[in-house]
C-alpha atoms as a PDB file:
ATOM      1  CA  MET A   1     -23.712  36.639  -8.868  1.00  0.00           C
ATOM      2  CA  ASP A   2     -23.558  39.434 -11.550  1.00  0.00           C
ATOM      3  CA  PRO A   3     -25.826  39.162 -14.546  1.00  0.00           C
ATOM      4  CA  ARG A   4     -22.934  39.367 -17.197  1.00  0.00           C
ATOM      5  CA  LEU A   5     -21.123  35.799 -16.006  1.00  0.00           C
ATOM      6  CA  ALA A   6     -24.118  33.782 -15.983  1.00  0.00           C
ATOM      7  CA  LEU A   7     -23.701  30.670 -18.737  1.00  0.00           C
ATOM      8  CA  PRO A   8     -26.304  29.273 -21.338  1.00  0.00           C
ATOM      9  CA  ILE A   9     -28.003  26.761 -19.938  1.00  0.00           C
ATOM     10  CA  VAL A  10     -28.272  24.444 -23.377  1.00  0.00           C
ATOM     11  CA  TYR A  11     -30.422  21.564 -21.104  1.00  0.00           C
ATOM     12  CA  GLN A  12     -31.116  20.505 -18.058  1.00  0.00           C
ATOM     13  CA  ASP A  13     -33.358  17.969 -16.071  1.00  0.00           C
ATOM     14  CA  ALA A  14     -32.951  16.641 -12.286  1.00  0.00           C
ATOM     15  CA  ASP A  15     -29.947  15.360 -12.600  1.00  0.00           C
ATOM     16  CA  PHE A  16     -27.698  17.318 -14.969  1.00  0.00           C
ATOM     17  CA  VAL A  17     -27.015  20.802 -16.550  1.00  0.00           C
ATOM     18  CA  ALA A  18     -25.176  21.387 -19.584  1.00  0.00           C
ATOM     19  CA  VAL A  19     -23.874  25.183 -20.828  1.00  0.00           C
ATOM     20  CA  ASP A  20     -22.592  26.804 -23.265  1.00  0.00           C
ATOM     21  CA  LYS A  21     -18.801  27.683 -22.127  1.00  0.00           C
ATOM     22  CA  PRO A  22     -17.292  30.794 -24.089  1.00  0.00           C
ATOM     23  CA  HIS A  23     -13.991  30.311 -25.027  1.00  0.00           C
ATOM     24  CA  GLY A  24     -10.864  31.459 -22.773  1.00  0.00           C
ATOM     25  CA  LEU A  25     -12.656  30.306 -19.641  1.00  0.00           C
ATOM     26  CA  LEU A  26     -11.400  27.361 -17.693  1.00  0.00           C
ATOM     27  CA  VAL A  27     -13.890  24.565 -16.414  1.00  0.00           C
ATOM     28  CA  HIS A  28     -12.317  24.931 -13.247  1.00  0.00           C
ATOM     29  CA  ARG A  29     -10.002  26.752 -11.075  1.00  0.00           C
ATOM     30  CA  THR A  30      -6.193  25.472 -11.143  1.00  0.00           C
ATOM     31  CA  HIS A  31      -3.423  26.462  -8.979  1.00  0.00           C
ATOM     32  CA  LEU A  32      -1.261  27.067 -12.939  1.00  0.00           C
ATOM     33  CA  SER A  33      -4.320  29.085 -14.256  1.00  0.00           C
ATOM     34  CA  GLY A  34      -3.505  32.306 -12.162  1.00  0.00           C
ATOM     35  CA  SER A  35      -7.382  33.282 -12.628  1.00  0.00           C
ATOM     36  CA  ARG A  36     -10.630  32.507  -9.525  1.00  0.00           C
ATOM     37  CA  ASP A  37     -13.006  32.802 -12.852  1.00  0.00           C
ATOM     38  CA  ALA A  38     -13.906  29.146 -13.917  1.00  0.00           C
ATOM     39  CA  ALA A  39     -17.514  28.273 -15.239  1.00  0.00           C
ATOM     40  CA  LEU A  40     -17.941  25.231 -12.355  1.00  0.00           C
ATOM     41  CA  GLN A  41     -17.528  28.446  -9.914  1.00  0.00           C
ATOM     42  CA  ARG A  42     -19.999  30.529 -12.234  1.00  0.00           C
ATOM     43  CA  LEU A  43     -22.663  27.569 -12.528  1.00  0.00           C
ATOM     44  CA  ARG A  44     -22.824  27.039  -8.849  1.00  0.00           C
ATOM     45  CA  ASN A  45     -23.123  30.680  -7.887  1.00  0.00           C
ATOM     46  CA  GLN A  46     -26.135  30.868 -10.941  1.00  0.00           C
ATOM     47  CA  LEU A  47     -27.728  27.364  -9.394  1.00  0.00           C
ATOM     48  CA  ARG A  48     -27.456  28.062  -6.170  1.00  0.00           C
ATOM     49  CA  GLN A  49     -26.633  24.724  -4.870  1.00  0.00           C
ATOM     50  CA  ARG A  50     -23.376  22.215  -5.457  1.00  0.00           C
ATOM     51  CA  VAL A  51     -22.584  20.633  -8.999  1.00  0.00           C
ATOM     52  CA  TYR A  52     -20.488  18.287 -10.591  1.00  0.00           C
ATOM     53  CA  PRO A  53     -17.620  18.055 -13.873  1.00  0.00           C
ATOM     54  CA  VAL A  54     -18.454  14.807 -15.390  1.00  0.00           C
ATOM     55  CA  HIS A  55     -16.110  15.267 -18.291  1.00  0.00           C
ATOM     56  CA  ARG A  56     -13.765  18.567 -19.278  1.00  0.00           C
ATOM     57  CA  LEU A  57     -12.940  21.559 -22.326  1.00  0.00           C
ATOM     58  CA  ASP A  58     -10.023  22.853 -22.554  1.00  0.00           C
ATOM     59  CA  ARG A  59      -9.882  26.615 -22.195  1.00  0.00           C
ATOM     60  CA  PRO A  60      -9.637  28.008 -25.686  1.00  0.00           C
ATOM     61  CA  THR A  61     -12.414  25.359 -26.955  1.00  0.00           C
ATOM     62  CA  SER A  62     -15.914  26.621 -26.551  1.00  0.00           C
ATOM     63  CA  GLY A  63     -19.120  24.733 -26.480  1.00  0.00           C
ATOM     64  CA  VAL A  64     -21.455  21.862 -24.443  1.00  0.00           C
ATOM     65  CA  LEU A  65     -20.459  21.745 -21.033  1.00  0.00           C
ATOM     66  CA  LEU A  66     -22.272  19.106 -19.266  1.00  0.00           C
ATOM     67  CA  PHE A  67     -22.257  18.634 -15.224  1.00  0.00           C
ATOM     68  CA  ALA A  68     -24.388  16.416 -13.007  1.00  0.00           C
ATOM     69  CA  LEU A  69     -26.213  18.167 -10.042  1.00  0.00           C
ATOM     70  CA  ASN A  70     -25.874  15.090  -8.049  1.00  0.00           C
ATOM     71  CA  PRO A  71     -22.901  12.308  -6.946  1.00  0.00           C
ATOM     72  CA  ASP A  72     -24.840   9.895  -7.987  1.00  0.00           C
ATOM     73  CA  ALA A  73     -25.038  11.129 -11.495  1.00  0.00           C
ATOM     74  CA  ALA A  74     -21.750  12.209 -12.457  1.00  0.00           C
ATOM     75  CA  ARG A  75     -20.005   8.651 -11.087  1.00  0.00           C
ATOM     76  CA  ALA A  76     -23.003   7.058 -13.445  1.00  0.00           C
ATOM     77  CA  LEU A  77     -21.625   9.561 -16.292  1.00  0.00           C
ATOM     78  CA  ALA A  78     -18.455   9.283 -15.803  1.00  0.00           C
ATOM     79  CA  LEU A  79     -18.372   5.924 -16.309  1.00  0.00           C
ATOM     80  CA  GLN A  80     -19.560   6.234 -19.802  1.00  0.00           C
ATOM     81  CA  PHE A  81     -17.451   8.668 -20.718  1.00  0.00           C
ATOM     82  CA  GLU A  82     -14.761   5.784 -19.219  1.00  0.00           C
ATOM     83  CA  HIS A  83     -16.169   3.192 -21.616  1.00  0.00           C
ATOM     84  CA  ARG A  84     -16.734   5.899 -24.749  1.00  0.00           C
ATOM     85  CA  GLN A  85     -20.408   5.655 -24.645  1.00  0.00           C
ATOM     86  CA  VAL A  86     -20.574   8.930 -24.838  1.00  0.00           C
ATOM     87  CA  GLN A  87     -20.234  10.463 -28.535  1.00  0.00           C
ATOM     88  CA  LYS A  88     -18.639  14.170 -28.167  1.00  0.00           C
ATOM     89  CA  HIS A  89     -19.110  16.191 -31.908  1.00  0.00           C
ATOM     90  CA  TYR A  90     -17.004  19.214 -32.457  1.00  0.00           C
ATOM     91  CA  LEU A  91     -16.266  21.586 -35.415  1.00  0.00           C
ATOM     92  CA  ALA A  92     -13.447  22.838 -36.333  1.00  0.00           C
ATOM     93  CA  ILE A  93     -11.536  24.976 -38.848  1.00  0.00           C
ATOM     94  CA  CYS A  94      -8.406  23.415 -40.071  1.00  0.00           C
ATOM     95  CA  ARG A  95      -5.418  24.119 -42.678  1.00  0.00           C
ATOM     96  CA  GLY A  96      -5.038  22.962 -45.549  1.00  0.00           C
ATOM     97  CA  TRP A  97      -7.211  20.419 -47.597  1.00  0.00           C
ATOM     98  CA  ALA A  98      -7.483  17.882 -44.927  1.00  0.00           C
ATOM     99  CA  PRO A  99      -8.636  14.115 -46.164  1.00  0.00           C
ATOM    100  CA  GLU A 100     -12.177  13.337 -46.816  1.00  0.00           C
ATOM    101  CA  SER A 101     -12.558  10.812 -43.918  1.00  0.00           C
ATOM    102  CA  GLY A 102     -10.447   9.009 -41.782  1.00  0.00           C
ATOM    103  CA  VAL A 103      -9.492   8.095 -38.067  1.00  0.00           C
ATOM    104  CA  ILE A 104      -6.190   9.526 -35.744  1.00  0.00           C
ATOM    105  CA  ASP A 105      -5.101   6.306 -33.297  1.00  0.00           C
ATOM    106  CA  TYR A 106      -2.021   8.623 -31.881  1.00  0.00           C
ATOM    107  CA  PRO A 107      -0.804   8.257 -28.583  1.00  0.00           C
ATOM    108  CA  ILE A 108      -0.385  11.618 -26.283  1.00  0.00           C
ATOM    109  CA  GLY A 109       1.555  11.275 -22.777  1.00  0.00           C
ATOM    110  CA  ASP A 110       0.301  14.401 -20.361  1.00  0.00           C
ATOM    111  CA  GLY A 111       4.229  14.150 -19.084  1.00  0.00           C
ATOM    112  CA  ALA A 112       4.217  10.454 -18.773  1.00  0.00           C
ATOM    113  CA  GLU A 113       3.947   7.685 -20.691  1.00  0.00           C
ATOM    114  CA  PRO A 114       1.799   7.950 -23.650  1.00  0.00           C
ATOM    115  CA  GLN A 115      -1.864   7.297 -23.436  1.00  0.00           C
ATOM    116  CA  PRO A 116      -4.328   5.680 -25.849  1.00  0.00           C
ATOM    117  CA  ALA A 117      -6.051   8.915 -28.173  1.00  0.00           C
ATOM    118  CA  VAL A 118      -8.404   7.409 -31.027  1.00  0.00           C
ATOM    119  CA  THR A 119      -9.948  10.925 -32.964  1.00  0.00           C
ATOM    120  CA  ARG A 120     -12.746  10.097 -35.879  1.00  0.00           C
ATOM    121  CA  TYR A 121     -13.424  12.922 -38.575  1.00  0.00           C
ATOM    122  CA  ARG A 122     -14.967  13.878 -41.571  1.00  0.00           C
ATOM    123  CA  ARG A 123     -14.392  16.749 -43.910  1.00  0.00           C
ATOM    124  CA  ARG A 124     -17.550  18.861 -43.941  1.00  0.00           C
ATOM    125  CA  ALA A 125     -16.503  21.817 -46.426  1.00  0.00           C
ATOM    126  CA  THR A 126     -12.983  23.376 -47.857  1.00  0.00           C
ATOM    127  CA  VAL A 127     -12.536  27.100 -49.388  1.00  0.00           C
ATOM    128  CA  GLU A 128      -9.154  28.214 -50.957  1.00  0.00           C
ATOM    129  CA  LEU A 129      -8.528  31.951 -50.114  1.00  0.00           C
ATOM    130  CA  PRO A 130      -6.701  34.402 -52.439  1.00  0.00           C
ATOM    131  CA  ILE A 131      -4.428  35.183 -49.918  1.00  0.00           C
ATOM    132  CA  PRO A 132      -0.471  34.352 -50.284  1.00  0.00           C
ATOM    133  CA  VAL A 133       0.942  32.619 -47.016  1.00  0.00           C
ATOM    134  CA  GLY A 134       5.042  31.780 -47.095  1.00  0.00           C
ATOM    135  CA  PRO A 135       5.712  30.312 -50.304  1.00  0.00           C
ATOM    136  CA  TYR A 136       2.148  29.368 -50.877  1.00  0.00           C
ATOM    137  CA  PRO A 137       0.212  32.041 -53.672  1.00  0.00           C
ATOM    138  CA  ALA A 138      -3.292  30.629 -51.735  1.00  0.00           C
ATOM    139  CA  ALA A 139      -4.669  29.456 -48.788  1.00  0.00           C
ATOM    140  CA  ARG A 140      -6.765  26.617 -48.178  1.00  0.00           C
ATOM    141  CA  TYR A 141      -8.741  25.640 -45.527  1.00  0.00           C
ATOM    142  CA  SER A 142     -10.960  22.817 -43.950  1.00  0.00           C
ATOM    143  CA  LEU A 143     -14.491  22.600 -42.220  1.00  0.00           C
ATOM    144  CA  MET A 144     -14.472  19.253 -40.233  1.00  0.00           C
ATOM    145  CA  ASP A 145     -16.771  16.929 -38.033  1.00  0.00           C
ATOM    146  CA  VAL A 146     -14.756  15.557 -34.925  1.00  0.00           C
ATOM    147  CA  TRP A 147     -15.646  12.756 -32.765  1.00  0.00           C
ATOM    148  CA  PRO A 148     -12.708  12.169 -29.964  1.00  0.00           C
ATOM    149  CA  GLU A 149     -13.052   8.442 -28.352  1.00  0.00           C
ATOM    150  CA  THR A 150     -10.712   9.209 -25.814  1.00  0.00           C
ATOM    151  CA  GLY A 151     -10.314  12.250 -23.687  1.00  0.00           C
ATOM    152  CA  ARG A 152      -6.806  13.259 -23.505  1.00  0.00           C
ATOM    153  CA  MET A 153      -5.749  16.688 -22.649  1.00  0.00           C
ATOM    154  CA  HIS A 154      -5.477  18.978 -25.903  1.00  0.00           C
ATOM    155  CA  GLN A 155      -6.405  15.542 -27.853  1.00  0.00           C
ATOM    156  CA  ILE A 156      -7.953  16.905 -30.969  1.00  0.00           C
ATOM    157  CA  ARG A 157      -5.253  19.898 -30.873  1.00  0.00           C
ATOM    158  CA  ARG A 158      -2.348  17.457 -31.170  1.00  0.00           C
ATOM    159  CA  HIS A 159      -3.900  14.964 -33.862  1.00  0.00           C
ATOM    160  CA  PHE A 160      -4.706  17.705 -36.519  1.00  0.00           C
ATOM    161  CA  ALA A 161      -1.402  18.870 -35.916  1.00  0.00           C
ATOM    162  CA  HIS A 162      -0.176  15.461 -36.198  1.00  0.00           C
ATOM    163  CA  ILE A 163      -1.514  14.496 -39.462  1.00  0.00           C
ATOM    164  CA  ARG A 164      -0.416  18.120 -40.456  1.00  0.00           C
ATOM    165  CA  HIS A 165      -3.557  20.289 -40.509  1.00  0.00           C
ATOM    166  CA  PRO A 166      -3.014  22.173 -37.449  1.00  0.00           C
ATOM    167  CA  LEU A 167      -6.368  24.083 -36.428  1.00  0.00           C
ATOM    168  CA  ILE A 168      -7.079  28.066 -36.679  1.00  0.00           C
ATOM    169  CA  GLY A 169      -6.218  29.425 -33.852  1.00  0.00           C
ATOM    170  CA  ASP A 170      -4.032  27.548 -31.574  1.00  0.00           C
ATOM    171  CA  THR A 171      -1.166  29.236 -30.080  1.00  0.00           C
ATOM    172  CA  THR A 172       0.431  26.156 -28.622  1.00  0.00           C
ATOM    173  CA  HIS A 173       0.139  22.966 -31.430  1.00  0.00           C
ATOM    174  CA  GLY A 174      -1.233  25.505 -34.993  1.00  0.00           C
ATOM    175  CA  GLU A 175       0.536  27.687 -37.255  1.00  0.00           C
ATOM    176  CA  GLY A 176       2.085  30.889 -36.686  1.00  0.00           C
ATOM    177  CA  ARG A 177       1.023  32.319 -40.334  1.00  0.00           C
ATOM    178  CA  HIS A 178      -2.021  30.742 -40.846  1.00  0.00           C
ATOM    179  CA  ASN A 179      -3.255  32.375 -37.105  1.00  0.00           C
ATOM    180  CA  ARG A 180      -2.098  35.918 -38.366  1.00  0.00           C
ATOM    181  CA  LEU A 181      -4.432  35.386 -41.544  1.00  0.00           C
ATOM    182  CA  PHE A 182      -7.478  34.741 -39.356  1.00  0.00           C
ATOM    183  CA  ARG A 183      -6.395  37.755 -37.392  1.00  0.00           C
ATOM    184  CA  GLN A 184      -5.904  40.048 -39.881  1.00  0.00           C
ATOM    185  CA  HIS A 185      -8.483  39.157 -42.103  1.00  0.00           C
ATOM    186  CA  PHE A 186     -11.148  38.031 -39.955  1.00  0.00           C
ATOM    187  CA  ASP A 187     -10.399  39.744 -37.269  1.00  0.00           C
ATOM    188  CA  CYS A 188     -10.676  36.127 -35.440  1.00  0.00           C
ATOM    189  CA  TYR A 189      -8.227  35.842 -32.455  1.00  0.00           C
ATOM    190  CA  HIS A 190      -9.499  32.886 -30.713  1.00  0.00           C
ATOM    191  CA  LEU A 191      -8.953  28.959 -31.617  1.00  0.00           C
ATOM    192  CA  LEU A 192     -11.851  27.310 -33.950  1.00  0.00           C
ATOM    193  CA  LEU A 193     -12.100  24.461 -32.294  1.00  0.00           C
ATOM    194  CA  ARG A 194     -16.196  24.070 -31.061  1.00  0.00           C
ATOM    195  CA  ALA A 195     -17.662  21.357 -29.200  1.00  0.00           C
ATOM    196  CA  ASP A 196     -21.397  21.777 -30.677  1.00  0.00           C
ATOM    197  CA  SER A 197     -23.093  18.711 -28.691  1.00  0.00           C
ATOM    198  CA  LEU A 198     -23.058  15.430 -26.911  1.00  0.00           C
ATOM    199  CA  ARG A 199     -25.101  12.641 -26.905  1.00  0.00           C
ATOM    200  CA  PHE A 200     -25.959   9.700 -24.213  1.00  0.00           C
ATOM    201  CA  GLN A 201     -28.291   7.360 -23.041  1.00  0.00           C
ATOM    202  CA  HIS A 202     -29.415   9.156 -19.385  1.00  0.00           C
ATOM    203  CA  PRO A 203     -28.258   7.159 -16.496  1.00  0.00           C
ATOM    204  CA  THR A 204     -31.809   7.906 -14.867  1.00  0.00           C
ATOM    205  CA  THR A 205     -34.465   7.610 -16.927  1.00  0.00           C
ATOM    206  CA  GLY A 206     -32.723   5.384 -20.112  1.00  0.00           C
ATOM    207  CA  SER A 207     -33.419   8.001 -23.025  1.00  0.00           C
ATOM    208  CA  LEU A 208     -30.950   9.005 -25.303  1.00  0.00           C
ATOM    209  CA  ILE A 209     -29.818  12.777 -24.837  1.00  0.00           C
ATOM    210  CA  HIS A 210     -28.858  14.732 -27.141  1.00  0.00           C
ATOM    211  CA  ILE A 211     -27.360  18.082 -26.490  1.00  0.00           C
ATOM    212  CA  CYS A 212     -26.526  20.763 -28.709  1.00  0.00           C
ATOM    213  CA  ALA A 213     -25.587  24.616 -28.447  1.00  0.00           C
ATOM    214  CA  PRO A 214     -26.114  26.478 -31.214  1.00  0.00           C
ATOM    215  CA  LEU A 215     -23.038  28.416 -32.627  1.00  0.00           C
ATOM    216  CA  PRO A 216     -21.828  31.934 -31.695  1.00  0.00           C
ATOM    217  CA  GLU A 217     -22.283  35.195 -33.935  1.00  0.00           C
ATOM    218  CA  ARG A 218     -18.645  34.902 -34.054  1.00  0.00           C
ATOM    219  CA  TRP A 219     -18.800  31.258 -35.859  1.00  0.00           C
ATOM    220  CA  GLN A 220     -21.910  32.521 -37.856  1.00  0.00           C
ATOM    221  CA  ASN A 221     -20.060  35.435 -39.397  1.00  0.00           C
ATOM    222  CA  LEU A 222     -17.138  33.761 -40.034  1.00  0.00           C
ATOM    223  CA  LEU A 223     -18.300  30.897 -41.773  1.00  0.00           C
ATOM    224  CA  LEU A 224     -20.251  33.022 -43.886  1.00  0.00           C
ATOM    225  CA  ALA A 225     -17.376  34.822 -45.043  1.00  0.00           C
ATOM    226  CA  LEU A 226     -16.080  31.379 -45.752  1.00  0.00           C
ATOM    227  CA  GLY A 227     -18.600  30.688 -48.102  1.00  0.00           C
ATOM    228  CA  TRP A 228     -19.674  27.671 -45.388  1.00  0.00           C
ATOM    229  CA  ALA A 229     -23.040  28.846 -43.371  1.00  0.00           C
ATOM    230  CA  GLU A 230     -25.215  26.499 -45.686  1.00  0.00           C
ATOM    231  CA  ALA A 231     -22.843  23.414 -44.658  1.00  0.00           C
ATOM    232  CA  ALA A 232     -22.609  24.520 -41.316  1.00  0.00           C
ATOM    233  CA  ALA A 233     -26.062  24.606 -40.793  1.00  0.00           C
ATOM    234  CA  GLN A 234     -26.774  20.808 -41.336  1.00  0.00           C
ATOM    235  CA  PRO A 235     -27.364  18.952 -38.356  1.00  0.00           C
ATOM    236  CA  ALA A 236     -24.277  17.265 -36.148  1.00  0.00           C
ATOM    237  CA  PRO A 237     -24.119  13.609 -37.852  1.00  0.00           C
ATOM    238  CA  LEU A 238     -23.496  10.654 -36.197  1.00  0.00           C
ATOM    239  CA  MET A 239     -19.519   9.741 -35.470  1.00  0.00           C
ATOM    240  CA  PRO A 240     -19.097   6.984 -37.881  1.00  0.00           C
ATOM    241  CA  THR A 241     -18.251   3.422 -36.692  1.00  0.00           C
ATOM    242  CA  SER A 242     -15.616   2.104 -38.890  1.00  0.00           C
ATOM    243  CA  GLY A 243     -12.353   3.975 -41.311  1.00  0.00           C
ATOM    244  CA  GLY A 244     -14.176   7.013 -41.110  1.00  0.00           C
END
């Protein structure tokens, strides 16, 4: 395969492999996308073996994406995801100064009956930029730690839009004026949602696995420009267990 299409591998053992998925790449091909490029096919060609997706990331979301290397491992870890035993941590940048912490418990429907959906979050840093947006003389933003307990489509994006703190760069559920601000002032054209890490119990060895992916250069530059480099350098915290 073309070396330029190789995905960065951030973890690998006999049963699993995790890659750092770039934003804009599908997890697997769909008949609706019109594109044949996807992480599953890239990794299969890269490793020259079959791989089995055990969870998903939205196309515009970057970060840790885990695959199993055999069907038994895939089934075992899929059960952990189903029973909310896998801890998923994301970094996100949202509009406004979000509450310090909280739990969003708001059902989400994917074209059918709404399904339970729960997201926990904690604010890591804030900034106020002297840039007018609409009727306001300044623009405020928050850097957030986010832990989705469930895995509904666009869950984090929909939940933050629901609490009126939409994610920057979200062209579906976000706010166009703030997306334009980041394009014009920071040359940032992508969704600011990053799958930072996964924690789970290895179904074969029983050991606790913690997989992290380093922040891409574009994220590092943006966080530096916003004055958040030190805040973002802190390790991924464990998910709060109650009340945020």
